[in-house]
N, C-alpha and C. Protein backbone atom coordinates (compact mmCIF):
# COMPACT_ATOMS: atom_id res chain seq x y z
N MET A 1 0.84 -1.19 0.00
CA MET A 1 0.00 0.00 0.00
C MET A 1 0.88 1.24 0.00
N THR A 2 0.62 2.12 -0.88
CA THR A 2 1.36 3.36 -0.96
C THR A 2 0.63 4.43 -0.18
N LEU A 3 1.35 5.11 0.69
CA LEU A 3 0.75 6.20 1.46
C LEU A 3 0.70 7.45 0.61
N PRO A 4 -0.27 8.29 0.82
CA PRO A 4 -0.38 9.52 0.03
C PRO A 4 0.77 10.47 0.30
N SER A 5 1.17 11.16 -0.72
CA SER A 5 2.21 12.18 -0.60
C SER A 5 1.56 13.47 -0.13
N MET A 6 2.31 14.25 0.66
CA MET A 6 1.78 15.54 1.10
C MET A 6 1.45 16.41 -0.10
N LYS A 7 2.21 16.25 -1.19
CA LYS A 7 2.02 17.07 -2.36
C LYS A 7 0.86 16.57 -3.22
N GLU A 8 0.55 15.25 -3.12
CA GLU A 8 -0.44 14.65 -4.00
C GLU A 8 -1.85 14.63 -3.42
N SER A 9 -1.98 14.26 -2.14
CA SER A 9 -3.33 14.13 -1.62
C SER A 9 -3.36 14.25 -0.10
N ALA A 10 -4.54 14.48 0.37
CA ALA A 10 -4.75 14.58 1.81
C ALA A 10 -5.09 13.22 2.37
N ALA A 11 -4.97 13.10 3.69
CA ALA A 11 -5.40 11.88 4.36
C ALA A 11 -6.91 11.76 4.21
N PRO A 12 -7.42 10.52 4.16
CA PRO A 12 -8.86 10.36 4.00
C PRO A 12 -9.63 10.94 5.18
N ALA A 13 -10.80 11.46 4.91
CA ALA A 13 -11.64 12.01 5.97
C ALA A 13 -12.36 10.87 6.69
N ALA A 14 -12.77 11.14 7.91
CA ALA A 14 -13.48 10.14 8.71
C ALA A 14 -14.86 9.87 8.10
N PRO A 15 -15.40 8.68 8.36
CA PRO A 15 -16.76 8.39 7.92
C PRO A 15 -17.72 9.42 8.53
N THR A 16 -18.83 9.65 7.89
CA THR A 16 -19.76 10.67 8.35
C THR A 16 -20.38 10.35 9.71
N ASN A 17 -20.39 9.08 10.13
CA ASN A 17 -20.97 8.73 11.42
C ASN A 17 -19.92 8.67 12.54
N ALA A 18 -18.71 9.10 12.26
CA ALA A 18 -17.64 9.05 13.26
C ALA A 18 -17.88 10.11 14.34
N TYR A 19 -17.62 9.74 15.59
CA TYR A 19 -17.76 10.68 16.69
C TYR A 19 -16.66 11.74 16.64
N TYR A 20 -15.43 11.29 16.26
CA TYR A 20 -14.30 12.21 16.04
C TYR A 20 -13.88 12.11 14.59
N GLU A 21 -13.43 13.21 14.04
CA GLU A 21 -12.91 13.18 12.67
C GLU A 21 -11.60 12.41 12.63
N ARG A 22 -10.74 12.67 13.63
CA ARG A 22 -9.47 11.97 13.74
C ARG A 22 -9.20 11.66 15.20
N HIS A 23 -8.51 10.58 15.40
CA HIS A 23 -8.16 10.12 16.75
C HIS A 23 -6.67 9.80 16.71
N ILE A 24 -5.87 10.41 17.56
CA ILE A 24 -4.44 10.11 17.60
C ILE A 24 -4.13 9.42 18.92
N PHE A 25 -3.48 8.27 18.81
CA PHE A 25 -3.09 7.48 19.97
C PHE A 25 -1.58 7.52 20.13
N PHE A 26 -1.13 7.82 21.35
CA PHE A 26 0.29 7.85 21.68
C PHE A 26 0.63 6.64 22.53
N CYS A 27 1.59 5.86 22.09
CA CYS A 27 2.07 4.76 22.92
C CYS A 27 2.84 5.36 24.09
N LEU A 28 2.39 5.03 25.31
CA LEU A 28 3.07 5.50 26.52
C LEU A 28 3.59 4.32 27.34
N ASN A 29 3.68 3.17 26.69
CA ASN A 29 4.06 1.95 27.39
C ASN A 29 5.47 2.03 27.98
N GLN A 30 5.58 1.53 29.20
CA GLN A 30 6.88 1.43 29.89
C GLN A 30 7.12 -0.05 30.17
N ARG A 31 8.16 -0.60 29.58
CA ARG A 31 8.54 -1.99 29.85
C ARG A 31 9.44 -2.01 31.07
N HIS A 32 9.23 -2.98 31.93
CA HIS A 32 10.02 -3.08 33.15
C HIS A 32 10.98 -4.26 33.12
N ASN A 33 11.12 -4.87 31.94
CA ASN A 33 12.00 -6.03 31.81
C ASN A 33 13.33 -5.67 31.15
N GLY A 34 13.61 -4.38 31.03
CA GLY A 34 14.86 -3.95 30.42
C GLY A 34 14.76 -3.69 28.92
N GLU A 35 13.65 -4.10 28.30
CA GLU A 35 13.47 -3.85 26.88
C GLU A 35 13.16 -2.37 26.65
N ASP A 36 13.53 -1.89 25.48
CA ASP A 36 13.24 -0.50 25.13
C ASP A 36 11.74 -0.31 24.96
N SER A 37 11.26 0.88 25.24
CA SER A 37 9.84 1.18 25.08
C SER A 37 9.66 2.66 24.81
N CYS A 38 8.48 3.02 24.34
CA CYS A 38 8.21 4.42 24.00
C CYS A 38 8.38 5.36 25.18
N ALA A 39 8.02 4.89 26.38
CA ALA A 39 8.15 5.74 27.56
C ALA A 39 9.59 6.17 27.81
N ASN A 40 10.54 5.39 27.33
CA ASN A 40 11.95 5.73 27.47
C ASN A 40 12.38 6.85 26.53
N HIS A 41 11.50 7.24 25.62
CA HIS A 41 11.84 8.24 24.60
C HIS A 41 10.91 9.45 24.68
N LYS A 42 10.54 9.83 25.89
CA LYS A 42 9.75 11.04 26.14
C LYS A 42 8.37 11.02 25.48
N ALA A 43 7.75 9.84 25.44
CA ALA A 43 6.42 9.72 24.84
C ALA A 43 5.39 10.55 25.59
N GLN A 44 5.49 10.60 26.91
CA GLN A 44 4.53 11.39 27.69
C GLN A 44 4.61 12.87 27.31
N GLU A 45 5.83 13.36 27.07
CA GLU A 45 5.99 14.76 26.66
C GLU A 45 5.33 15.01 25.30
N GLY A 46 5.47 14.05 24.39
CA GLY A 46 4.84 14.17 23.08
C GLY A 46 3.32 14.20 23.19
N PHE A 47 2.79 13.30 24.01
CA PHE A 47 1.35 13.26 24.25
C PHE A 47 0.86 14.59 24.84
N ASP A 48 1.53 15.05 25.89
CA ASP A 48 1.14 16.30 26.55
C ASP A 48 1.17 17.48 25.57
N ARG A 49 2.21 17.53 24.76
CA ARG A 49 2.35 18.62 23.78
C ARG A 49 1.21 18.56 22.76
N CYS A 50 0.94 17.37 22.25
CA CYS A 50 -0.11 17.22 21.25
C CYS A 50 -1.47 17.62 21.83
N LYS A 51 -1.77 17.16 23.02
CA LYS A 51 -3.05 17.47 23.66
C LYS A 51 -3.20 18.98 23.82
N ALA A 52 -2.14 19.65 24.29
CA ALA A 52 -2.17 21.10 24.47
C ALA A 52 -2.32 21.83 23.14
N GLN A 53 -1.60 21.38 22.12
CA GLN A 53 -1.65 22.04 20.80
C GLN A 53 -3.02 21.87 20.15
N VAL A 54 -3.59 20.68 20.27
CA VAL A 54 -4.91 20.42 19.70
C VAL A 54 -5.95 21.32 20.38
N LYS A 55 -5.86 21.40 21.70
CA LYS A 55 -6.80 22.25 22.44
C LYS A 55 -6.62 23.72 22.07
N ALA A 56 -5.37 24.19 22.03
CA ALA A 56 -5.09 25.59 21.71
C ALA A 56 -5.55 25.97 20.30
N ALA A 57 -5.50 25.00 19.38
CA ALA A 57 -5.91 25.26 18.00
C ALA A 57 -7.42 25.14 17.81
N GLY A 58 -8.14 24.80 18.87
CA GLY A 58 -9.59 24.65 18.77
C GLY A 58 -10.01 23.40 18.02
N LEU A 59 -9.13 22.40 18.01
CA LEU A 59 -9.40 21.17 17.26
C LEU A 59 -10.00 20.06 18.12
N ALA A 60 -10.07 20.25 19.43
CA ALA A 60 -10.51 19.19 20.35
C ALA A 60 -12.02 19.11 20.43
N GLY A 61 -12.52 17.90 20.58
CA GLY A 61 -13.93 17.71 20.85
C GLY A 61 -14.65 16.89 19.81
N PRO A 62 -15.90 16.54 20.09
CA PRO A 62 -16.71 15.75 19.16
C PRO A 62 -16.74 16.37 17.77
N GLY A 63 -16.59 15.51 16.77
CA GLY A 63 -16.58 15.99 15.39
C GLY A 63 -15.24 16.53 14.96
N LYS A 64 -14.30 16.55 15.89
CA LYS A 64 -12.97 17.10 15.60
C LYS A 64 -11.91 16.05 15.91
N VAL A 65 -11.01 16.36 16.84
CA VAL A 65 -9.86 15.50 17.13
C VAL A 65 -9.87 15.06 18.59
N ARG A 66 -9.49 13.83 18.83
CA ARG A 66 -9.30 13.29 20.18
C ARG A 66 -7.86 12.81 20.30
N VAL A 67 -7.19 13.20 21.38
CA VAL A 67 -5.81 12.77 21.66
C VAL A 67 -5.89 11.79 22.83
N ASN A 68 -5.38 10.58 22.61
CA ASN A 68 -5.49 9.53 23.62
C ASN A 68 -4.17 8.86 23.93
N LYS A 69 -4.08 8.41 25.19
CA LYS A 69 -2.97 7.55 25.63
C LYS A 69 -3.26 6.14 25.18
N ALA A 70 -2.21 5.39 24.90
CA ALA A 70 -2.36 3.97 24.56
C ALA A 70 -1.29 3.19 25.28
N GLY A 71 -1.58 1.93 25.50
CA GLY A 71 -0.56 1.01 25.98
C GLY A 71 0.30 0.64 24.79
N CYS A 72 0.97 -0.48 24.87
CA CYS A 72 1.88 -0.89 23.81
C CYS A 72 1.17 -1.01 22.47
N LEU A 73 1.70 -0.35 21.47
CA LEU A 73 1.19 -0.44 20.11
C LEU A 73 2.03 -1.40 19.27
N ASP A 74 3.00 -2.04 19.91
CA ASP A 74 3.84 -3.09 19.30
C ASP A 74 4.70 -2.59 18.14
N ARG A 75 5.15 -1.35 18.24
CA ARG A 75 6.07 -0.78 17.24
C ARG A 75 7.29 -0.21 17.97
N CYS A 76 7.71 -0.89 19.03
CA CYS A 76 8.76 -0.41 19.94
C CYS A 76 10.04 0.01 19.23
N ALA A 77 10.42 -0.72 18.20
CA ALA A 77 11.67 -0.43 17.49
C ALA A 77 11.67 0.94 16.84
N ALA A 78 10.49 1.53 16.68
CA ALA A 78 10.38 2.84 16.04
C ALA A 78 10.10 3.94 17.04
N GLY A 79 10.01 3.60 18.31
CA GLY A 79 9.53 4.51 19.34
C GLY A 79 10.28 5.81 19.48
N PRO A 80 9.56 6.82 19.93
CA PRO A 80 8.15 6.80 20.30
C PRO A 80 7.26 6.89 19.07
N VAL A 81 6.08 6.28 19.18
CA VAL A 81 5.17 6.26 18.05
C VAL A 81 3.79 6.78 18.44
N ALA A 82 3.09 7.26 17.42
CA ALA A 82 1.68 7.65 17.54
C ALA A 82 1.01 7.23 16.25
N VAL A 83 -0.27 6.94 16.32
CA VAL A 83 -1.02 6.54 15.13
C VAL A 83 -2.30 7.35 15.05
N VAL A 84 -2.61 7.82 13.84
CA VAL A 84 -3.81 8.62 13.59
C VAL A 84 -4.83 7.74 12.88
N TYR A 85 -6.03 7.66 13.48
CA TYR A 85 -7.15 6.94 12.87
C TYR A 85 -8.27 7.92 12.59
N PRO A 86 -9.07 7.70 11.54
CA PRO A 86 -9.18 6.47 10.78
C PRO A 86 -8.16 6.34 9.66
N ASP A 87 -7.21 7.24 9.58
CA ASP A 87 -6.25 7.27 8.48
C ASP A 87 -5.24 6.13 8.52
N ALA A 88 -5.03 5.52 9.70
CA ALA A 88 -4.05 4.45 9.88
C ALA A 88 -2.65 4.91 9.48
N VAL A 89 -2.31 6.12 9.89
CA VAL A 89 -1.00 6.70 9.60
C VAL A 89 -0.17 6.67 10.88
N TRP A 90 0.99 6.03 10.80
CA TRP A 90 1.89 5.86 11.95
C TRP A 90 3.02 6.88 11.88
N TYR A 91 3.26 7.54 13.01
CA TYR A 91 4.33 8.54 13.09
C TYR A 91 5.35 8.16 14.15
N THR A 92 6.60 8.50 13.86
CA THR A 92 7.68 8.48 14.82
C THR A 92 8.12 9.93 14.97
N TYR A 93 8.28 10.39 16.20
CA TYR A 93 8.60 11.80 16.45
C TYR A 93 9.74 11.88 17.46
N VAL A 94 10.43 13.03 17.48
CA VAL A 94 11.54 13.17 18.43
C VAL A 94 11.44 14.42 19.30
N ASP A 95 10.66 15.41 18.88
CA ASP A 95 10.64 16.65 19.66
C ASP A 95 9.33 17.40 19.48
N ALA A 96 9.22 18.52 20.17
CA ALA A 96 8.00 19.33 20.13
C ALA A 96 7.69 19.83 18.72
N GLN A 97 8.70 20.15 17.94
CA GLN A 97 8.48 20.63 16.58
C GLN A 97 7.82 19.56 15.72
N ASP A 98 8.21 18.29 15.93
CA ASP A 98 7.57 17.20 15.19
C ASP A 98 6.09 17.11 15.56
N ILE A 99 5.79 17.20 16.84
CA ILE A 99 4.39 17.15 17.30
C ILE A 99 3.61 18.32 16.70
N ASP A 100 4.18 19.50 16.74
CA ASP A 100 3.51 20.68 16.18
C ASP A 100 3.21 20.48 14.70
N GLU A 101 4.13 19.87 13.97
CA GLU A 101 3.93 19.64 12.54
C GLU A 101 2.82 18.61 12.30
N ILE A 102 2.75 17.58 13.12
CA ILE A 102 1.67 16.59 13.00
C ILE A 102 0.33 17.27 13.26
N VAL A 103 0.26 18.09 14.29
CA VAL A 103 -1.00 18.79 14.61
C VAL A 103 -1.40 19.70 13.47
N GLU A 104 -0.50 20.56 13.04
CA GLU A 104 -0.81 21.54 12.00
C GLU A 104 -1.11 20.88 10.65
N SER A 105 -0.23 19.99 10.23
CA SER A 105 -0.38 19.40 8.90
C SER A 105 -1.46 18.33 8.83
N HIS A 106 -1.40 17.36 9.74
CA HIS A 106 -2.31 16.23 9.63
C HIS A 106 -3.63 16.45 10.37
N LEU A 107 -3.55 16.76 11.66
CA LEU A 107 -4.78 16.85 12.44
C LEU A 107 -5.63 18.06 12.05
N LYS A 108 -5.00 19.15 11.68
CA LYS A 108 -5.74 20.36 11.30
C LYS A 108 -6.08 20.39 9.81
N ASN A 109 -5.09 20.06 8.96
CA ASN A 109 -5.25 20.23 7.52
C ASN A 109 -5.36 18.94 6.72
N GLY A 110 -5.26 17.78 7.37
CA GLY A 110 -5.42 16.51 6.68
C GLY A 110 -4.28 16.10 5.78
N GLN A 111 -3.11 16.72 5.96
CA GLN A 111 -1.95 16.40 5.13
C GLN A 111 -0.97 15.52 5.91
N VAL A 112 -0.67 14.34 5.38
CA VAL A 112 0.27 13.42 6.02
C VAL A 112 1.66 14.04 6.03
N VAL A 113 2.36 13.91 7.16
CA VAL A 113 3.73 14.43 7.30
C VAL A 113 4.68 13.28 6.95
N GLU A 114 5.05 13.21 5.70
CA GLU A 114 5.82 12.07 5.20
C GLU A 114 7.16 11.87 5.92
N ARG A 115 7.83 12.93 6.27
CA ARG A 115 9.15 12.79 6.88
C ARG A 115 9.09 12.13 8.25
N LEU A 116 7.90 12.10 8.87
CA LEU A 116 7.75 11.51 10.19
C LEU A 116 7.08 10.14 10.17
N LEU A 117 6.81 9.60 8.99
CA LEU A 117 6.16 8.30 8.90
C LEU A 117 7.06 7.21 9.48
N THR A 118 6.46 6.33 10.24
CA THR A 118 7.18 5.20 10.82
C THR A 118 7.45 4.20 9.70
N PRO A 119 8.71 3.80 9.49
CA PRO A 119 9.01 2.81 8.46
C PRO A 119 8.17 1.54 8.68
N ALA A 120 7.57 1.05 7.60
CA ALA A 120 6.65 -0.08 7.68
C ALA A 120 7.28 -1.33 8.29
N HIS A 121 8.57 -1.53 8.13
CA HIS A 121 9.22 -2.75 8.61
C HIS A 121 9.52 -2.72 10.10
N LEU A 122 9.39 -1.57 10.75
CA LEU A 122 9.72 -1.50 12.17
C LEU A 122 8.55 -1.91 13.04
N GLY A 123 8.74 -2.97 13.76
CA GLY A 123 7.73 -3.47 14.68
C GLY A 123 8.31 -3.49 16.07
N ARG A 124 8.18 -4.60 16.72
CA ARG A 124 8.68 -4.72 18.06
C ARG A 124 10.12 -5.11 18.02
C-alpha cells in the first residue's frame, strides 16, 4: 500500500458517522524487563504537547480530534510512536516541533507528514 504524498493528496476524511474526525493514539508503554519502550523516549511529553496544541488550536472535541494515551502499540523499534485513525498513519517523532507539525499538517489540515512516517518494517 502506498501512502499519500503531502504534495499529492490529503489523508482520507473520517466516515460521516464518526464521533471524532481523527483520533491520535500515543504509545506511553513502559517496559520493566529492560526492553526499550516508547516511555523511554519522552512519549509522555509528546502526548502532553499534542493534547495542548490540539486544544489551543480549537481542534478538540466531538466531530474534531481526540488525543489519547495507549498502551503498547507493538512498534517499539520505532519509538516513540503515535497513530492517527481512521487514516491508519503511523508517526515516529523526536521533539515538540515534530508534534507541532503533526498537529498543524495532519490533524488540522489533513496532510500526512511524510518525513515523520514510521518505516513499515519497524515493529517490536
